[in-house]
Amino acid sequence: MKVAIAQINSSRVVAENLAKVQEYVARSADIGADLVVFPEATMTAFGSDLAAAASEHAEHWKTEMQWLAAERDITVVVGEFATAPEGKVRNILAVYTPSGERLDYAKIHLYDAFGFTESETVDPGRDLVVVNIAGVNVGLTLCYDVRFPKLFAELSRRGADVCLVSASWAGGEGKVEQWETLARARALDSNTFVVAVDQSDPAISGVPVKEGAPTGVGHSLVSDPFGHVVQAFGGGEELRVVDIDLDVVRTAEKSIPVLENAKLGY
């Protein structure tokens, strides 16, 4: 499976973000990718009025994503927001297929850490999601989820060979190192490839963002099930395609059968 990784920075203007997604989807399709993965909060950056953006733009955004996937014959995986009760939103990772199907995952683990309280504005999801993309079972996760190994183990038990982590990772001392370490550890925990796609660093991209909001550090990466880094990005906006070799998953399952060896399911 060929996976395009679109490490971009979202702004607080939905129309600007839509234009950027259109560009990166077209480029991904032109280089033969089966799917293109965008970061969390692609529709609008954290630090925006998320509820207003979801209310005003979500339906048009969905229509455009469905058209893009069908027109370019590529699966698009993108971070967006949907309205929720009490003025909150759901933080969504949505999958748009060329056939017109739309599937989504609502973020389970909300980022109430390092002085940020995502739960004030976001309603948590409750359901794990594994989708079939180009014949490959893919588990969906968002950002802070990467700190919870049982989630990835369960996605693997449900058939995932690849886990996507779409993120808008907050900056700070040691945060890039944590991001890279966690992504590799989750691959080892679950016998899966982990494709970890972050917003790029706005200090490098020059995209205006709200100070103090978790708006990305870049350093997207792909780890194989042995924890080896197959692809590693820097801080700026960039598009790359990675070939996922599923034979490595089968080898890892035989060599390090951590899920089979787990006691009491842990």
Protein backbone atom coordinates (compact mmCIF):
# COMPACT_ATOMS: atom_id res chain seq x y z
CA MET A 1 0.00 0.00 0.00
CA LYS A 2 1.31 3.44 -0.95
CA VAL A 3 0.59 6.05 1.72
CA ALA A 4 1.05 9.76 1.08
CA ILE A 5 1.86 11.77 4.20
CA ALA A 6 0.76 15.40 4.01
CA GLN A 7 2.59 17.27 6.77
CA ILE A 8 0.92 20.67 6.57
CA ASN A 9 -0.03 23.56 8.84
CA SER A 10 -3.68 24.53 9.12
CA SER A 11 -4.66 28.14 9.62
CA ARG A 12 -7.78 29.43 11.33
CA VAL A 13 -9.37 30.08 7.91
CA VAL A 14 -11.26 27.04 6.62
CA ALA A 15 -11.17 28.16 2.97
CA GLU A 16 -7.36 28.39 3.07
CA ASN A 17 -7.14 24.90 4.53
CA LEU A 18 -9.50 23.50 1.92
CA ALA A 19 -7.34 24.92 -0.88
CA LYS A 20 -4.23 23.36 0.66
CA VAL A 21 -5.93 19.97 0.99
CA GLN A 22 -7.02 20.15 -2.65
CA GLU A 23 -3.43 20.80 -3.70
CA TYR A 24 -1.95 17.99 -1.63
CA VAL A 25 -4.62 15.48 -2.67
CA ALA A 26 -3.94 16.23 -6.33
CA ARG A 27 -0.19 15.81 -5.83
CA SER A 28 -0.71 12.55 -3.93
CA ALA A 29 -2.92 11.12 -6.65
CA ASP A 30 -0.43 12.14 -9.34
CA ILE A 31 2.33 10.13 -7.66
CA GLY A 32 0.19 7.02 -7.35
CA ALA A 33 -0.71 6.91 -3.66
CA ASP A 34 -3.58 4.71 -2.50
CA LEU A 35 -4.41 7.14 0.29
CA VAL A 36 -3.25 10.50 1.63
CA VAL A 37 -3.22 11.23 5.36
CA PHE A 38 -3.55 14.74 6.76
CA PRO A 39 -3.04 15.91 10.35
CA GLU A 40 -5.57 16.39 13.12
CA ALA A 41 -7.41 19.73 12.92
CA THR A 42 -6.81 20.14 9.19
CA MET A 43 -10.21 21.77 8.74
CA THR A 44 -9.28 24.55 11.17
CA ALA A 45 -6.38 24.97 13.55
CA PHE A 46 -6.63 24.68 17.30
CA GLY A 47 -7.02 28.16 18.72
CA SER A 48 -9.98 28.75 16.40
CA ASP A 49 -13.62 28.85 17.42
CA LEU A 50 -14.06 25.15 16.72
CA ALA A 51 -17.83 25.08 17.30
CA ALA A 52 -18.41 27.98 14.91
CA ALA A 53 -16.20 26.39 12.25
CA ALA A 54 -18.01 23.05 12.57
CA SER A 55 -21.44 24.69 12.43
CA GLU A 56 -20.66 26.92 9.46
CA HIS A 57 -18.34 24.78 7.34
CA ALA A 58 -18.63 21.06 8.16
CA GLU A 59 -21.22 20.14 5.53
CA HIS A 60 -19.47 22.01 2.73
CA TRP A 61 -16.16 20.51 3.87
CA LYS A 62 -17.59 16.98 3.70
CA THR A 63 -18.98 17.57 0.23
CA GLU A 64 -15.63 18.84 -1.01
CA MET A 65 -13.74 15.91 0.53
CA GLN A 66 -16.12 13.40 -1.06
CA TRP A 67 -15.73 15.08 -4.43
CA LEU A 68 -11.94 15.16 -4.12
CA ALA A 69 -11.67 11.48 -3.25
CA ALA A 70 -13.92 10.49 -6.14
CA GLU A 71 -12.41 12.89 -8.68
CA ARG A 72 -8.81 11.94 -7.88
CA ASP A 73 -9.54 8.23 -7.20
CA ILE A 74 -7.73 8.28 -3.87
CA THR A 75 -8.75 7.74 -0.25
CA VAL A 76 -8.45 10.92 1.82
CA VAL A 77 -7.94 10.74 5.60
CA VAL A 78 -8.32 14.13 7.23
CA GLY A 79 -8.79 15.78 10.62
CA GLU A 80 -12.01 17.75 10.99
CA PHE A 81 -14.63 18.82 13.55
CA ALA A 82 -18.35 18.12 13.96
CA THR A 83 -20.92 19.77 16.19
CA ALA A 84 -21.75 18.11 19.53
CA PRO A 85 -24.17 18.85 22.40
CA GLU A 86 -23.70 21.77 24.80
CA GLY A 87 -21.79 23.85 22.27
CA LYS A 88 -18.91 21.41 22.06
CA VAL A 89 -17.46 19.64 19.03
CA ARG A 90 -16.25 16.16 18.20
CA ASN A 91 -12.65 15.90 17.09
CA ILE A 92 -12.89 13.65 14.03
CA LEU A 93 -10.56 11.68 11.82
CA ALA A 94 -12.60 11.10 8.67
CA VAL A 95 -11.99 8.66 5.82
CA TYR A 96 -13.33 9.54 2.36
CA THR A 97 -13.13 6.79 -0.27
CA PRO A 98 -13.26 7.09 -4.07
CA SER A 99 -16.62 5.25 -4.03
CA GLY A 100 -18.19 8.08 -2.01
CA GLU A 101 -18.17 6.32 1.37
CA ARG A 102 -17.35 8.33 4.49
CA LEU A 103 -16.25 6.72 7.77
CA ASP A 104 -15.04 8.46 10.88
CA TYR A 105 -13.42 8.09 14.27
CA ALA A 106 -14.09 10.48 17.17
CA LYS A 107 -11.09 11.10 19.43
CA ILE A 108 -11.35 9.08 22.64
CA HIS A 109 -8.47 10.47 24.72
CA LEU A 110 -8.77 14.24 25.05
CA TYR A 111 -5.69 16.36 25.59
CA ASP A 112 -6.06 17.52 29.17
CA ALA A 113 -2.33 17.87 29.79
CA PHE A 114 0.54 20.37 29.76
CA GLY A 115 -1.85 23.18 30.68
CA PHE A 116 -4.30 22.60 27.81
CA THR A 117 -7.85 21.33 28.48
CA GLU A 118 -9.34 19.91 25.29
CA SER A 119 -12.32 18.51 27.21
CA GLU A 120 -13.63 22.06 27.74
CA THR A 121 -14.55 22.28 24.06
CA VAL A 122 -14.52 18.69 22.77
CA ASP A 123 -16.91 15.81 23.46
CA PRO A 124 -14.98 12.48 23.60
CA GLY A 125 -15.60 9.53 21.35
CA ARG A 126 -16.12 6.02 22.68
CA ASP A 127 -15.73 3.62 19.76
CA LEU A 128 -12.62 2.08 18.23
CA VAL A 129 -12.54 2.16 14.44
CA VAL A 130 -10.76 -0.11 11.94
CA VAL A 131 -11.42 0.54 8.25
CA ASN A 132 -10.39 -1.32 5.11
CA ILE A 133 -8.41 0.87 2.72
CA ALA A 134 -7.09 -0.60 -0.53
CA GLY A 135 -7.45 -4.07 0.99
CA VAL A 136 -5.55 -3.19 4.17
CA ASN A 137 -7.10 -2.97 7.65
CA VAL A 138 -6.25 0.42 9.14
CA GLY A 139 -6.83 1.59 12.72
CA LEU A 140 -7.66 5.25 13.30
CA THR A 141 -6.32 7.37 16.18
CA LEU A 142 -5.80 11.04 16.97
CA CYS A 143 -2.86 12.75 18.68
CA TYR A 144 -3.08 12.20 22.47
CA ASP A 145 -4.33 8.65 21.78
CA VAL A 146 -0.70 7.73 21.03
CA ARG A 147 0.06 7.78 24.77
CA PHE A 148 -2.31 4.86 25.42
CA PRO A 149 -0.82 1.50 24.37
CA LYS A 150 -3.91 -0.60 25.08
CA LEU A 151 -5.79 1.28 22.35
CA PHE A 152 -3.24 0.23 19.73
CA ALA A 153 -3.12 -3.34 21.00
CA GLU A 154 -6.90 -3.58 20.71
CA LEU A 155 -6.88 -2.10 17.20
CA SER A 156 -4.40 -4.81 16.24
CA ARG A 157 -6.58 -7.50 17.83
CA ARG A 158 -9.44 -6.19 15.69
CA GLY A 159 -7.38 -6.78 12.57
CA ALA A 160 -5.42 -3.57 11.99
CA ASP A 161 -2.09 -4.00 10.22
CA VAL A 162 -1.53 -0.23 10.03
CA CYS A 163 -2.42 2.38 12.64
CA LEU A 164 -2.72 6.03 11.70
CA VAL A 165 -1.95 8.73 14.26
CA SER A 166 -3.17 12.07 12.95
CA ALA A 167 -1.93 14.83 15.26
CA SER A 168 -1.57 18.49 16.07
CA TRP A 169 1.16 17.90 18.64
CA ALA A 170 1.86 20.65 21.13
CA GLY A 171 5.36 22.07 21.20
CA GLY A 172 7.62 22.42 24.21
CA GLU A 173 10.78 21.03 25.74
CA GLY A 174 11.22 17.38 24.86
CA LYS A 175 7.95 17.13 22.94
CA VAL A 176 9.49 16.11 19.59
CA GLU A 177 11.42 13.33 21.32
CA GLN A 178 8.27 12.16 23.11
CA TRP A 179 6.31 12.14 19.85
CA GLU A 180 8.91 10.07 18.03
CA THR A 181 9.39 7.65 20.93
CA LEU A 182 5.67 7.10 21.44
CA ALA A 183 5.00 6.41 17.76
CA ARG A 184 7.74 3.78 17.63
CA ALA A 185 6.63 2.24 20.92
CA ARG A 186 3.04 1.88 19.74
CA ALA A 187 4.27 0.02 16.64
CA LEU A 188 6.17 -2.39 18.88
CA ASP A 189 3.19 -2.77 21.23
CA SER A 190 0.79 -3.72 18.46
CA ASN A 191 2.72 -5.51 15.68
CA THR A 192 1.52 -2.81 13.28
CA PHE A 193 2.99 -0.11 11.11
CA VAL A 194 2.36 3.25 12.75
CA VAL A 195 1.95 6.19 10.36
CA ALA A 196 2.19 9.29 12.56
CA VAL A 197 1.26 12.49 10.73
CA ASP A 198 1.64 15.80 12.55
CA GLN A 199 0.94 19.41 11.73
CA SER A 200 4.17 21.05 10.67
CA ASP A 201 5.91 23.56 12.90
CA PRO A 202 4.29 26.99 12.32
CA ALA A 203 7.57 28.68 13.22
CA ILE A 204 9.02 27.05 10.09
CA SER A 205 5.99 27.11 7.77
CA GLY A 206 5.08 30.70 8.62
CA VAL A 207 1.37 29.91 8.91
CA PRO A 208 -0.22 32.23 11.52
CA VAL A 209 -1.57 30.35 14.54
CA LYS A 210 -2.78 31.25 18.01
CA GLU A 211 0.00 31.28 20.59
CA GLY A 212 -0.45 28.63 23.28
CA ALA A 213 -2.61 26.31 21.17
CA PRO A 214 -1.29 22.85 20.20
CA THR A 215 -0.47 23.59 16.57
CA GLY A 216 2.21 21.09 15.62
CA VAL A 217 5.93 20.41 15.71
CA GLY A 218 6.28 18.45 12.46
CA HIS A 219 8.50 15.36 12.56
CA SER A 220 5.91 13.00 11.09
CA LEU A 221 7.24 9.47 10.87
CA VAL A 222 6.48 5.91 9.83
CA SER A 223 7.59 3.09 12.13
CA ASP A 224 7.51 -0.56 11.16
CA PRO A 225 6.37 -3.19 13.72
CA PHE A 226 9.97 -3.65 14.91
CA GLY A 227 10.24 0.02 15.84
CA HIS A 228 12.45 0.86 12.88
CA VAL A 229 11.82 4.32 11.40
CA VAL A 230 10.97 3.85 7.74
CA GLN A 231 10.45 7.56 7.04
CA ALA A 232 11.13 10.66 9.14
CA PHE A 233 10.23 14.28 8.41
CA GLY A 234 11.65 17.58 9.57
CA GLY A 235 9.62 20.53 10.81
CA GLY A 236 8.31 22.15 7.61
CA GLU A 237 5.43 21.46 5.25
CA GLU A 238 6.13 18.47 3.05
CA LEU A 239 4.54 15.61 1.10
CA ARG A 240 6.07 12.14 0.82
CA VAL A 241 4.87 8.70 -0.26
CA VAL A 242 5.78 5.59 1.72
CA ASP A 243 5.38 1.97 0.58
CA ILE A 244 3.96 -0.19 3.38
CA ASP A 245 5.23 -3.80 3.17
CA LEU A 246 2.68 -5.94 5.02
CA ASP A 247 5.03 -8.93 4.98
CA VAL A 248 6.90 -7.13 7.77
CA VAL A 249 3.73 -7.26 9.89
CA ARG A 250 3.46 -11.03 9.44
CA THR A 251 7.15 -11.44 10.32
CA ALA A 252 6.76 -9.33 13.46
CA GLU A 253 3.71 -11.31 14.57
CA LYS A 254 5.79 -14.50 14.44
CA SER A 255 9.00 -13.02 15.85
CA ILE A 256 7.54 -10.91 18.69
CA PRO A 257 4.00 -12.23 19.35
CA VAL A 258 3.30 -9.70 22.10
CA LEU A 259 -0.46 -9.84 21.72
CA GLU A 260 -0.54 -13.63 21.70
CA ASN A 261 1.75 -13.72 24.76
CA ALA A 262 -0.19 -11.08 26.71
CA LYS A 263 -1.65 -12.30 29.98
CA LEU A 264 -5.30 -11.48 30.80
CA GLY A 265 -5.43 -9.43 27.61
CA TYR A 266 -2.88 -6.90 28.89
